N, C-alpha and C. Protein backbone atom coordinates (compact mmCIF):
# COMPACT_ATOMS: atom_id res chain seq x y z
N MET A 1 114.63 129.83 348.77
CA MET A 1 113.87 129.20 347.71
C MET A 1 114.65 127.98 347.19
N VAL A 2 113.94 126.96 346.81
CA VAL A 2 114.54 125.71 346.33
C VAL A 2 114.75 125.80 344.82
N ASN A 3 115.92 125.37 344.36
CA ASN A 3 116.21 125.30 342.94
C ASN A 3 115.85 123.89 342.46
N VAL A 4 114.71 123.77 341.82
CA VAL A 4 114.20 122.47 341.38
C VAL A 4 115.17 121.76 340.45
N SER A 5 115.84 122.51 339.60
CA SER A 5 116.72 121.88 338.61
C SER A 5 117.90 121.15 339.24
N GLU A 6 118.21 121.42 340.49
CA GLU A 6 119.32 120.75 341.17
C GLU A 6 118.88 119.54 341.99
N HIS A 7 117.59 119.24 342.00
CA HIS A 7 117.10 118.09 342.76
C HIS A 7 117.57 116.80 342.10
N GLU A 8 117.89 115.79 342.89
CA GLU A 8 118.44 114.54 342.36
C GLU A 8 117.49 113.78 341.44
N LEU A 9 116.20 114.00 341.56
CA LEU A 9 115.23 113.29 340.72
C LEU A 9 114.94 114.00 339.39
N VAL A 10 115.43 115.22 339.23
CA VAL A 10 115.21 115.96 337.98
C VAL A 10 116.34 115.61 337.02
N PRO A 11 116.00 115.09 335.82
CA PRO A 11 117.05 114.71 334.87
C PRO A 11 117.79 115.94 334.35
N ASP A 12 118.98 115.71 333.79
CA ASP A 12 119.79 116.80 333.24
C ASP A 12 119.11 117.40 332.02
N HIS A 13 118.96 118.73 332.03
CA HIS A 13 118.41 119.48 330.90
C HIS A 13 119.54 120.33 330.33
N THR A 14 119.88 120.11 329.06
CA THR A 14 120.98 120.83 328.44
C THR A 14 120.48 121.54 327.19
N LEU A 15 120.82 122.81 327.08
CA LEU A 15 120.47 123.60 325.91
C LEU A 15 121.42 123.26 324.77
N LEU A 16 120.86 122.91 323.60
CA LEU A 16 121.69 122.67 322.41
C LEU A 16 121.93 124.02 321.76
N GLU A 17 123.10 124.59 322.00
CA GLU A 17 123.39 125.94 321.53
C GLU A 17 123.90 125.96 320.10
N ASP A 18 124.51 124.88 319.66
CA ASP A 18 125.10 124.81 318.33
C ASP A 18 124.04 124.37 317.32
N ASP A 19 123.81 125.19 316.28
CA ASP A 19 122.81 124.86 315.26
C ASP A 19 123.11 123.54 314.57
N SER A 20 124.39 123.19 314.42
CA SER A 20 124.73 121.94 313.76
C SER A 20 124.31 120.75 314.63
N ALA A 21 124.37 120.90 315.95
CA ALA A 21 123.92 119.82 316.85
C ALA A 21 122.41 119.63 316.73
N VAL A 22 121.68 120.72 316.62
CA VAL A 22 120.22 120.64 316.45
C VAL A 22 119.90 119.97 315.12
N GLU A 23 120.59 120.37 314.07
CA GLU A 23 120.35 119.78 312.75
C GLU A 23 120.65 118.29 312.73
N GLU A 24 121.69 117.87 313.44
CA GLU A 24 122.01 116.43 313.53
C GLU A 24 120.87 115.65 314.18
N VAL A 25 120.30 116.21 315.25
CA VAL A 25 119.20 115.55 315.94
C VAL A 25 117.98 115.46 315.03
N LEU A 26 117.65 116.56 314.36
CA LEU A 26 116.49 116.56 313.47
C LEU A 26 116.67 115.59 312.32
N GLU A 27 117.88 115.51 311.80
CA GLU A 27 118.17 114.58 310.70
C GLU A 27 118.12 113.13 311.18
N GLU A 28 118.68 112.89 312.37
CA GLU A 28 118.69 111.52 312.91
C GLU A 28 117.28 110.97 313.08
N TYR A 29 116.36 111.82 313.56
CA TYR A 29 114.99 111.37 313.79
C TYR A 29 114.05 111.67 312.63
N ASN A 30 114.59 112.32 311.58
CA ASN A 30 113.81 112.65 310.40
C ASN A 30 112.55 113.44 310.75
N VAL A 31 112.76 114.53 311.53
CA VAL A 31 111.65 115.39 311.95
C VAL A 31 112.04 116.85 311.73
N ARG A 32 111.02 117.70 311.76
CA ARG A 32 111.26 119.15 311.78
C ARG A 32 111.30 119.60 313.23
N ARG A 33 111.84 120.76 313.46
CA ARG A 33 111.94 121.31 314.82
C ARG A 33 110.56 121.34 315.49
N THR A 34 109.54 121.73 314.74
CA THR A 34 108.19 121.84 315.30
C THR A 34 107.54 120.49 315.58
N ASP A 35 108.13 119.41 315.08
CA ASP A 35 107.61 118.06 315.34
C ASP A 35 108.06 117.53 316.70
N LEU A 36 109.09 118.14 317.29
CA LEU A 36 109.58 117.68 318.59
C LEU A 36 108.53 117.90 319.67
N PRO A 37 108.51 117.05 320.70
CA PRO A 37 107.62 117.31 321.83
C PRO A 37 107.97 118.66 322.45
N LYS A 38 107.00 119.31 323.06
CA LYS A 38 107.18 120.66 323.58
C LYS A 38 107.45 120.66 325.09
N ILE A 39 108.15 121.72 325.52
CA ILE A 39 108.34 121.99 326.94
C ILE A 39 108.17 123.50 327.10
N THR A 40 107.41 123.93 328.08
CA THR A 40 107.15 125.36 328.23
C THR A 40 108.33 126.09 328.85
N ARG A 41 108.48 127.33 328.46
CA ARG A 41 109.57 128.17 328.95
C ARG A 41 109.53 128.32 330.47
N THR A 42 108.36 128.16 331.07
CA THR A 42 108.21 128.33 332.51
C THR A 42 108.54 127.07 333.31
N ASP A 43 108.92 125.99 332.63
CA ASP A 43 109.28 124.76 333.34
C ASP A 43 110.50 125.04 334.22
N PRO A 44 110.40 124.77 335.52
CA PRO A 44 111.50 125.12 336.43
C PRO A 44 112.80 124.34 336.19
N ALA A 45 112.76 123.26 335.46
CA ALA A 45 113.97 122.47 335.22
C ALA A 45 114.80 123.01 334.06
N LEU A 46 114.24 123.93 333.27
CA LEU A 46 114.97 124.46 332.12
C LEU A 46 116.11 125.36 332.54
N PRO A 47 117.20 125.36 331.75
CA PRO A 47 118.27 126.34 332.01
C PRO A 47 117.73 127.76 331.84
N ASP A 48 118.25 128.69 332.61
CA ASP A 48 117.76 130.08 332.57
C ASP A 48 117.88 130.72 331.20
N GLU A 49 118.89 130.33 330.43
CA GLU A 49 119.11 130.98 329.13
C GLU A 49 118.24 130.41 328.01
N ALA A 50 117.41 129.40 328.28
CA ALA A 50 116.56 128.80 327.25
C ALA A 50 115.47 129.78 326.83
N GLU A 51 115.29 129.90 325.52
CA GLU A 51 114.30 130.79 324.93
C GLU A 51 113.37 129.98 324.03
N PRO A 52 112.15 130.48 323.77
CA PRO A 52 111.27 129.79 322.82
C PRO A 52 111.98 129.57 321.48
N GLY A 53 111.84 128.34 320.95
CA GLY A 53 112.49 127.97 319.70
C GLY A 53 113.76 127.16 319.91
N ASP A 54 114.31 127.18 321.14
CA ASP A 54 115.51 126.41 321.45
C ASP A 54 115.17 124.93 321.60
N VAL A 55 116.17 124.09 321.43
CA VAL A 55 116.01 122.65 321.62
C VAL A 55 116.79 122.23 322.87
N ILE A 56 116.15 121.44 323.71
CA ILE A 56 116.73 120.98 324.97
C ILE A 56 116.95 119.48 324.90
N ARG A 57 118.13 119.02 325.35
CA ARG A 57 118.40 117.59 325.48
C ARG A 57 118.16 117.23 326.94
N ILE A 58 117.35 116.19 327.18
CA ILE A 58 117.06 115.71 328.53
C ILE A 58 117.61 114.30 328.64
N GLU A 59 118.49 114.07 329.60
CA GLU A 59 119.10 112.76 329.80
C GLU A 59 118.65 112.21 331.15
N ARG A 60 117.94 111.07 331.07
CA ARG A 60 117.40 110.44 332.27
C ARG A 60 118.01 109.07 332.47
N ASP A 61 117.98 108.62 333.71
CA ASP A 61 118.33 107.23 334.00
C ASP A 61 117.22 106.34 333.46
N SER A 62 117.61 105.18 332.98
CA SER A 62 116.64 104.25 332.42
C SER A 62 116.93 102.84 332.95
N ARG A 63 115.88 102.14 333.31
CA ARG A 63 116.06 100.76 333.79
C ARG A 63 116.49 99.82 332.68
N THR A 64 116.10 100.13 331.46
CA THR A 64 116.40 99.22 330.35
C THR A 64 117.59 99.65 329.50
N ALA A 65 117.92 100.94 329.50
CA ALA A 65 118.98 101.42 328.60
C ALA A 65 120.00 102.31 329.30
N ASP A 66 120.24 102.10 330.57
CA ASP A 66 121.19 102.89 331.35
C ASP A 66 120.85 104.38 331.32
N ARG A 67 120.96 105.02 330.16
CA ARG A 67 120.60 106.43 330.00
C ARG A 67 119.68 106.58 328.80
N ALA A 68 118.62 107.37 328.96
CA ALA A 68 117.71 107.66 327.86
C ALA A 68 117.81 109.14 327.53
N THR A 69 117.93 109.45 326.26
CA THR A 69 118.04 110.83 325.82
C THR A 69 116.82 111.19 325.00
N VAL A 70 116.19 112.32 325.36
CA VAL A 70 115.03 112.82 324.63
C VAL A 70 115.27 114.30 324.33
N TYR A 71 114.54 114.82 323.38
CA TYR A 71 114.70 116.22 322.98
C TYR A 71 113.34 116.91 323.05
N ARG A 72 113.36 118.18 323.44
CA ARG A 72 112.14 118.98 323.56
C ARG A 72 112.37 120.35 322.93
N LEU A 73 111.31 120.90 322.35
CA LEU A 73 111.33 122.24 321.80
C LEU A 73 110.74 123.19 322.84
N VAL A 74 111.45 124.26 323.17
CA VAL A 74 110.97 125.23 324.14
C VAL A 74 109.91 126.10 323.48
N VAL A 75 108.76 126.21 324.14
CA VAL A 75 107.66 127.06 323.64
C VAL A 75 107.23 128.01 324.75
N GLU A 76 106.53 129.05 324.35
CA GLU A 76 106.03 130.04 325.30
C GLU A 76 104.95 129.41 326.11
């Protein structure tokens, strides 16, 4: 079976495990956790330990900004 998360075209998905890191992100963007865009728990690119309610940092290559960082809320 192929592990999709290891494919070169799939951006890095990192679980924000530290509550203070999540709070910093929410404060920086002036949003609540539920305001973040959603990603389903069944998405094959998610880390195995991700649970609903967790926040994921996704880092992609960008033509205009070298690296683009976005955040997603894991939902069922």
